[in-house]
């Protein structure tokens, strides 16, 4: 769960842990990229607008790594413009808009990781 907002990270983490998932939190794209490189993950959930490295840059960096070519990456953001979504589809698996419904988030996660 990559987001510069601690409260969003906590909400995502609480939702996922409650459904039985293990969660690793990162404060921005740079932190998320480093954590993903240090241990394998089955799903990445990231914000778009963050300091140091935004979500799309992190997605492109992850997709360049062999172990992350097919790992689902969901972007969870306040950005809802069609142009931004189109850019996101270049590497992300899905696009969710904040505020999010925890139940819907879990449904989407179940769809992408089975």
N, C-alpha and C. Protein backbone atom coordinates (compact mmCIF):
# COMPACT_ATOMS: atom_id res chain seq x y z
N UNK A 1 0.86 -1.18 0.00
CA UNK A 1 0.00 0.00 0.00
C UNK A 1 0.90 1.23 0.00
N UNK A 2 0.89 1.96 -1.11
CA UNK A 2 1.79 3.11 -1.27
C UNK A 2 0.95 4.39 -1.33
N UNK A 3 1.10 5.25 -0.33
CA UNK A 3 0.37 6.52 -0.29
C UNK A 3 1.09 7.45 0.66
N UNK A 4 1.19 8.73 0.29
CA UNK A 4 1.85 9.69 1.17
C UNK A 4 0.96 10.11 2.33
N UNK A 5 -0.32 9.76 2.30
CA UNK A 5 -1.24 10.06 3.39
C UNK A 5 -1.27 8.88 4.37
N UNK A 6 -0.79 9.12 5.59
CA UNK A 6 -0.77 8.06 6.61
C UNK A 6 -2.17 7.54 6.89
N UNK A 7 -3.17 8.43 6.88
CA UNK A 7 -4.54 7.99 7.18
C UNK A 7 -5.09 7.07 6.09
N UNK A 8 -4.77 7.35 4.83
CA UNK A 8 -5.20 6.47 3.73
C UNK A 8 -4.49 5.13 3.84
N UNK A 9 -3.17 5.16 4.11
CA UNK A 9 -2.42 3.90 4.27
C UNK A 9 -3.03 3.06 5.39
N UNK A 10 -3.39 3.71 6.51
CA UNK A 10 -3.98 2.99 7.63
C UNK A 10 -5.33 2.39 7.26
N UNK A 11 -6.15 3.15 6.52
CA UNK A 11 -7.47 2.67 6.10
C UNK A 11 -7.34 1.47 5.15
N UNK A 12 -6.44 1.58 4.18
CA UNK A 12 -6.20 0.49 3.24
C UNK A 12 -5.68 -0.74 3.99
N UNK A 13 -4.70 -0.52 4.85
CA UNK A 13 -4.09 -1.59 5.62
C UNK A 13 -5.12 -2.30 6.50
N UNK A 14 -5.93 -1.52 7.20
CA UNK A 14 -6.97 -2.07 8.08
C UNK A 14 -7.96 -2.92 7.26
N UNK A 15 -8.36 -2.40 6.10
CA UNK A 15 -9.31 -3.11 5.22
C UNK A 15 -8.72 -4.44 4.75
N UNK A 16 -7.48 -4.40 4.28
CA UNK A 16 -6.85 -5.60 3.73
C UNK A 16 -6.49 -6.63 4.81
N UNK A 17 -5.95 -6.15 5.93
CA UNK A 17 -5.60 -7.07 7.02
C UNK A 17 -6.87 -7.75 7.55
N UNK A 18 -7.96 -7.00 7.61
CA UNK A 18 -9.24 -7.56 8.07
C UNK A 18 -9.74 -8.68 7.16
N UNK A 19 -9.29 -8.67 5.90
CA UNK A 19 -9.69 -9.70 4.93
C UNK A 19 -8.63 -10.80 4.83
N UNK A 20 -7.63 -10.74 5.69
CA UNK A 20 -6.63 -11.80 5.74
C UNK A 20 -5.36 -11.58 4.93
N UNK A 21 -5.20 -10.38 4.36
CA UNK A 21 -4.00 -10.09 3.57
C UNK A 21 -2.89 -9.55 4.45
N UNK A 22 -1.65 -9.84 4.07
CA UNK A 22 -0.49 -9.23 4.73
C UNK A 22 -0.22 -7.94 3.99
N UNK A 23 0.07 -6.85 4.70
CA UNK A 23 0.23 -5.55 4.06
C UNK A 23 1.59 -4.93 4.41
N UNK A 24 2.25 -4.42 3.38
CA UNK A 24 3.49 -3.65 3.56
C UNK A 24 3.13 -2.22 3.16
N UNK A 25 3.45 -1.25 4.02
CA UNK A 25 3.13 0.15 3.73
C UNK A 25 4.37 0.91 3.27
N UNK A 26 4.15 1.83 2.34
CA UNK A 26 5.23 2.71 1.85
C UNK A 26 4.68 4.13 1.75
N UNK A 27 5.55 5.12 2.06
CA UNK A 27 5.11 6.52 2.14
C UNK A 27 5.12 7.28 0.82
N UNK A 28 5.79 6.74 -0.21
CA UNK A 28 5.79 7.37 -1.53
C UNK A 28 6.31 6.36 -2.55
N UNK A 29 6.35 6.76 -3.81
CA UNK A 29 6.76 5.84 -4.87
C UNK A 29 8.17 5.31 -4.71
N UNK A 30 9.08 6.16 -4.26
CA UNK A 30 10.48 5.75 -4.06
C UNK A 30 10.55 4.68 -2.98
N UNK A 31 9.86 4.91 -1.87
CA UNK A 31 9.80 3.96 -0.76
C UNK A 31 9.13 2.66 -1.23
N UNK A 32 8.05 2.78 -2.00
CA UNK A 32 7.33 1.61 -2.52
C UNK A 32 8.20 0.78 -3.44
N UNK A 33 8.93 1.45 -4.32
CA UNK A 33 9.81 0.76 -5.26
C UNK A 33 10.90 -0.01 -4.51
N UNK A 34 11.52 0.65 -3.53
CA UNK A 34 12.58 -0.01 -2.74
C UNK A 34 12.03 -1.22 -2.00
N UNK A 35 10.85 -1.09 -1.39
CA UNK A 35 10.27 -2.21 -0.64
C UNK A 35 9.89 -3.35 -1.58
N UNK A 36 9.37 -3.02 -2.76
CA UNK A 36 8.99 -4.06 -3.73
C UNK A 36 10.23 -4.79 -4.25
N UNK A 37 11.35 -4.08 -4.36
CA UNK A 37 12.59 -4.71 -4.82
C UNK A 37 13.16 -5.64 -3.75
N UNK A 38 12.93 -5.30 -2.47
CA UNK A 38 13.55 -6.06 -1.38
C UNK A 38 12.79 -7.34 -1.03
N UNK A 39 11.50 -7.41 -1.38
CA UNK A 39 10.74 -8.64 -1.14
C UNK A 39 9.58 -8.72 -2.11
N UNK A 40 9.26 -9.93 -2.58
CA UNK A 40 8.19 -10.07 -3.57
C UNK A 40 6.80 -9.78 -2.98
N UNK A 41 5.95 -9.14 -3.77
CA UNK A 41 4.57 -8.90 -3.35
C UNK A 41 3.64 -9.39 -4.47
N UNK A 42 2.39 -9.68 -4.10
CA UNK A 42 1.41 -10.21 -5.06
C UNK A 42 0.51 -9.16 -5.66
N UNK A 43 0.53 -7.94 -5.07
CA UNK A 43 -0.33 -6.85 -5.52
C UNK A 43 0.26 -5.54 -5.03
N UNK A 44 0.16 -4.51 -5.85
CA UNK A 44 0.59 -3.17 -5.43
C UNK A 44 -0.61 -2.25 -5.57
N UNK A 45 -0.87 -1.51 -4.52
CA UNK A 45 -1.94 -0.53 -4.49
C UNK A 45 -1.27 0.80 -4.24
N UNK A 46 -1.38 1.74 -5.19
CA UNK A 46 -0.63 2.99 -5.05
C UNK A 46 -1.46 4.23 -5.37
N UNK A 47 -1.11 5.30 -4.71
CA UNK A 47 -1.66 6.62 -5.00
C UNK A 47 -0.93 7.14 -6.25
N UNK A 48 -1.46 8.17 -6.87
CA UNK A 48 -0.77 8.79 -8.02
C UNK A 48 0.08 9.97 -7.55
N UNK A 49 -0.52 10.94 -6.88
CA UNK A 49 0.17 12.18 -6.51
C UNK A 49 0.89 12.04 -5.17
N UNK A 50 2.24 11.90 -5.26
CA UNK A 50 3.05 11.74 -4.05
C UNK A 50 4.38 12.46 -4.26
N UNK A 51 5.04 12.87 -3.16
CA UNK A 51 6.36 13.49 -3.29
C UNK A 51 7.42 12.45 -3.69
N UNK A 52 8.56 12.91 -4.11
CA UNK A 52 9.73 12.10 -4.51
C UNK A 52 9.49 11.26 -5.75
N UNK A 53 8.43 10.44 -5.81
CA UNK A 53 8.13 9.66 -7.00
C UNK A 53 6.63 9.41 -7.04
N UNK A 54 5.99 9.80 -8.15
CA UNK A 54 4.54 9.61 -8.24
C UNK A 54 4.21 8.17 -8.61
N UNK A 55 2.92 7.84 -8.56
CA UNK A 55 2.47 6.48 -8.82
C UNK A 55 2.80 5.97 -10.20
N UNK A 56 2.60 6.80 -11.25
CA UNK A 56 2.85 6.35 -12.61
C UNK A 56 4.33 6.06 -12.85
N UNK A 57 5.20 6.89 -12.27
CA UNK A 57 6.65 6.66 -12.40
C UNK A 57 7.03 5.36 -11.70
N UNK A 58 6.43 5.11 -10.54
CA UNK A 58 6.71 3.87 -9.82
C UNK A 58 6.22 2.67 -10.63
N UNK A 59 5.02 2.78 -11.23
CA UNK A 59 4.48 1.69 -12.06
C UNK A 59 5.44 1.37 -13.20
N UNK A 60 5.90 2.41 -13.91
CA UNK A 60 6.83 2.20 -15.03
C UNK A 60 8.13 1.54 -14.55
N UNK A 61 8.63 1.98 -13.39
CA UNK A 61 9.86 1.41 -12.84
C UNK A 61 9.66 -0.05 -12.46
N UNK A 62 8.51 -0.37 -11.87
CA UNK A 62 8.23 -1.76 -11.49
C UNK A 62 8.06 -2.65 -12.72
N UNK A 63 7.34 -2.15 -13.73
CA UNK A 63 7.10 -2.94 -14.94
C UNK A 63 8.41 -3.25 -15.69
N UNK A 64 9.44 -2.46 -15.45
CA UNK A 64 10.73 -2.70 -16.08
C UNK A 64 11.48 -3.87 -15.42
N UNK A 65 11.03 -4.27 -14.24
CA UNK A 65 11.66 -5.39 -13.52
C UNK A 65 10.96 -6.69 -13.89
N UNK A 66 11.73 -7.74 -14.23
CA UNK A 66 11.12 -9.01 -14.65
C UNK A 66 10.10 -9.56 -13.66
N UNK A 67 10.37 -9.45 -12.36
CA UNK A 67 9.45 -10.02 -11.36
C UNK A 67 8.14 -9.23 -11.21
N UNK A 68 8.05 -8.05 -11.81
CA UNK A 68 6.82 -7.25 -11.71
C UNK A 68 6.12 -7.01 -13.05
N UNK A 69 6.51 -7.77 -14.07
CA UNK A 69 5.86 -7.61 -15.39
C UNK A 69 4.36 -7.92 -15.33
N UNK A 70 3.97 -8.91 -14.51
CA UNK A 70 2.57 -9.34 -14.50
C UNK A 70 1.88 -9.17 -13.15
N UNK A 71 2.57 -8.64 -12.15
CA UNK A 71 1.95 -8.43 -10.83
C UNK A 71 0.88 -7.34 -10.96
N UNK A 72 -0.34 -7.59 -10.44
CA UNK A 72 -1.38 -6.56 -10.52
C UNK A 72 -0.99 -5.29 -9.77
N UNK A 73 -1.21 -4.14 -10.42
CA UNK A 73 -0.96 -2.84 -9.80
C UNK A 73 -2.23 -2.02 -9.93
N UNK A 74 -2.80 -1.63 -8.78
CA UNK A 74 -4.01 -0.81 -8.77
C UNK A 74 -3.64 0.59 -8.33
N UNK A 75 -4.15 1.58 -9.04
CA UNK A 75 -3.93 2.97 -8.65
C UNK A 75 -5.19 3.45 -7.94
N UNK A 76 -4.99 3.93 -6.71
CA UNK A 76 -6.08 4.43 -5.87
C UNK A 76 -5.80 5.91 -5.66
N UNK A 77 -6.61 6.77 -6.30
CA UNK A 77 -6.26 8.19 -6.34
C UNK A 77 -7.49 9.09 -6.39
N UNK A 78 -7.29 10.37 -6.15
CA UNK A 78 -8.38 11.34 -6.32
C UNK A 78 -8.47 11.76 -7.79
N UNK A 79 -7.44 11.41 -8.59
CA UNK A 79 -7.43 11.76 -10.01
C UNK A 79 -8.50 10.96 -10.75
N UNK A 80 -9.38 11.65 -11.47
CA UNK A 80 -10.42 10.92 -12.19
C UNK A 80 -10.53 11.36 -13.65
N UNK A 81 -9.58 12.17 -14.12
CA UNK A 81 -9.65 12.63 -15.51
C UNK A 81 -9.38 11.47 -16.47
N UNK A 82 -10.05 11.48 -17.62
CA UNK A 82 -9.87 10.42 -18.61
C UNK A 82 -8.43 10.35 -19.10
N UNK A 83 -7.79 11.51 -19.24
CA UNK A 83 -6.40 11.55 -19.71
C UNK A 83 -5.48 10.83 -18.72
N UNK A 84 -5.70 11.09 -17.43
CA UNK A 84 -4.87 10.46 -16.40
C UNK A 84 -5.14 8.96 -16.36
N UNK A 85 -6.41 8.57 -16.49
CA UNK A 85 -6.75 7.14 -16.49
C UNK A 85 -6.12 6.43 -17.69
N UNK A 86 -6.13 7.08 -18.85
CA UNK A 86 -5.54 6.50 -20.06
C UNK A 86 -4.05 6.29 -19.85
N UNK A 87 -3.39 7.27 -19.24
CA UNK A 87 -1.96 7.16 -18.95
C UNK A 87 -1.73 5.99 -17.99
N UNK A 88 -2.61 5.87 -17.01
CA UNK A 88 -2.50 4.80 -16.01
C UNK A 88 -2.64 3.43 -16.62
N UNK A 89 -3.50 3.30 -17.61
CA UNK A 89 -3.73 1.99 -18.24
C UNK A 89 -2.50 1.47 -18.98
N UNK A 90 -1.56 2.36 -19.23
CA UNK A 90 -0.33 1.94 -19.92
C UNK A 90 0.45 0.93 -19.07
N UNK A 91 0.28 0.94 -17.78
CA UNK A 91 1.03 0.00 -16.95
C UNK A 91 0.25 -0.57 -15.79
N UNK A 92 -0.77 0.14 -15.35
CA UNK A 92 -1.55 -0.30 -14.19
C UNK A 92 -2.63 -1.30 -14.62
N UNK A 93 -3.01 -2.14 -13.68
CA UNK A 93 -4.04 -3.15 -13.92
C UNK A 93 -5.43 -2.53 -13.76
N UNK A 94 -5.54 -1.57 -12.84
CA UNK A 94 -6.84 -0.94 -12.58
C UNK A 94 -6.69 0.43 -11.96
N UNK A 95 -7.81 1.17 -11.94
CA UNK A 95 -7.84 2.55 -11.46
C UNK A 95 -9.05 2.71 -10.55
N UNK A 96 -8.82 3.07 -9.30
CA UNK A 96 -9.91 3.28 -8.34
C UNK A 96 -9.84 4.72 -7.84
N UNK A 97 -10.99 5.34 -7.67
CA UNK A 97 -11.02 6.75 -7.25
C UNK A 97 -11.36 6.86 -5.76
N UNK A 98 -10.59 7.71 -5.06
CA UNK A 98 -10.85 8.02 -3.64
C UNK A 98 -11.99 9.03 -3.57
N UNK A 99 -12.78 9.04 -2.51
CA UNK A 99 -12.76 8.05 -1.43
C UNK A 99 -13.25 6.70 -1.93
N UNK A 100 -12.70 5.62 -1.36
CA UNK A 100 -13.07 4.29 -1.85
C UNK A 100 -13.98 3.58 -0.86
N UNK A 101 -14.75 2.66 -1.39
CA UNK A 101 -15.62 1.80 -0.58
C UNK A 101 -14.78 0.56 -0.24
N UNK A 102 -14.52 0.30 1.05
CA UNK A 102 -13.68 -0.85 1.42
C UNK A 102 -14.14 -2.17 0.80
N UNK A 103 -15.44 -2.40 0.74
CA UNK A 103 -15.97 -3.64 0.18
C UNK A 103 -15.66 -3.75 -1.32
N UNK A 104 -15.82 -2.62 -2.03
CA UNK A 104 -15.51 -2.61 -3.47
C UNK A 104 -14.02 -2.85 -3.70
N UNK A 105 -13.19 -2.25 -2.85
CA UNK A 105 -11.74 -2.44 -2.96
C UNK A 105 -11.41 -3.93 -2.84
N UNK A 106 -11.99 -4.59 -1.85
CA UNK A 106 -11.74 -6.02 -1.66
C UNK A 106 -12.23 -6.84 -2.84
N UNK A 107 -13.36 -6.47 -3.41
CA UNK A 107 -13.89 -7.17 -4.59
C UNK A 107 -12.92 -7.06 -5.77
N UNK A 108 -12.40 -5.85 -5.99
CA UNK A 108 -11.47 -5.63 -7.11
C UNK A 108 -10.18 -6.43 -6.86
N UNK A 109 -9.69 -6.43 -5.62
CA UNK A 109 -8.47 -7.17 -5.30
C UNK A 109 -8.67 -8.67 -5.54
N UNK A 110 -9.82 -9.19 -5.12
CA UNK A 110 -10.11 -10.62 -5.34
C UNK A 110 -10.13 -10.93 -6.84
N UNK A 111 -10.66 -10.03 -7.65
CA UNK A 111 -10.70 -10.24 -9.10
C UNK A 111 -9.30 -10.30 -9.69
N UNK A 112 -8.42 -9.40 -9.27
CA UNK A 112 -7.10 -9.34 -9.91
C UNK A 112 -6.08 -10.34 -9.36
N UNK A 113 -6.26 -10.80 -8.12
CA UNK A 113 -5.28 -11.79 -7.63
C UNK A 113 -5.90 -13.16 -7.39
N UNK A 114 -7.19 -13.29 -7.62
CA UNK A 114 -7.83 -14.58 -7.54
C UNK A 114 -8.06 -15.11 -6.13
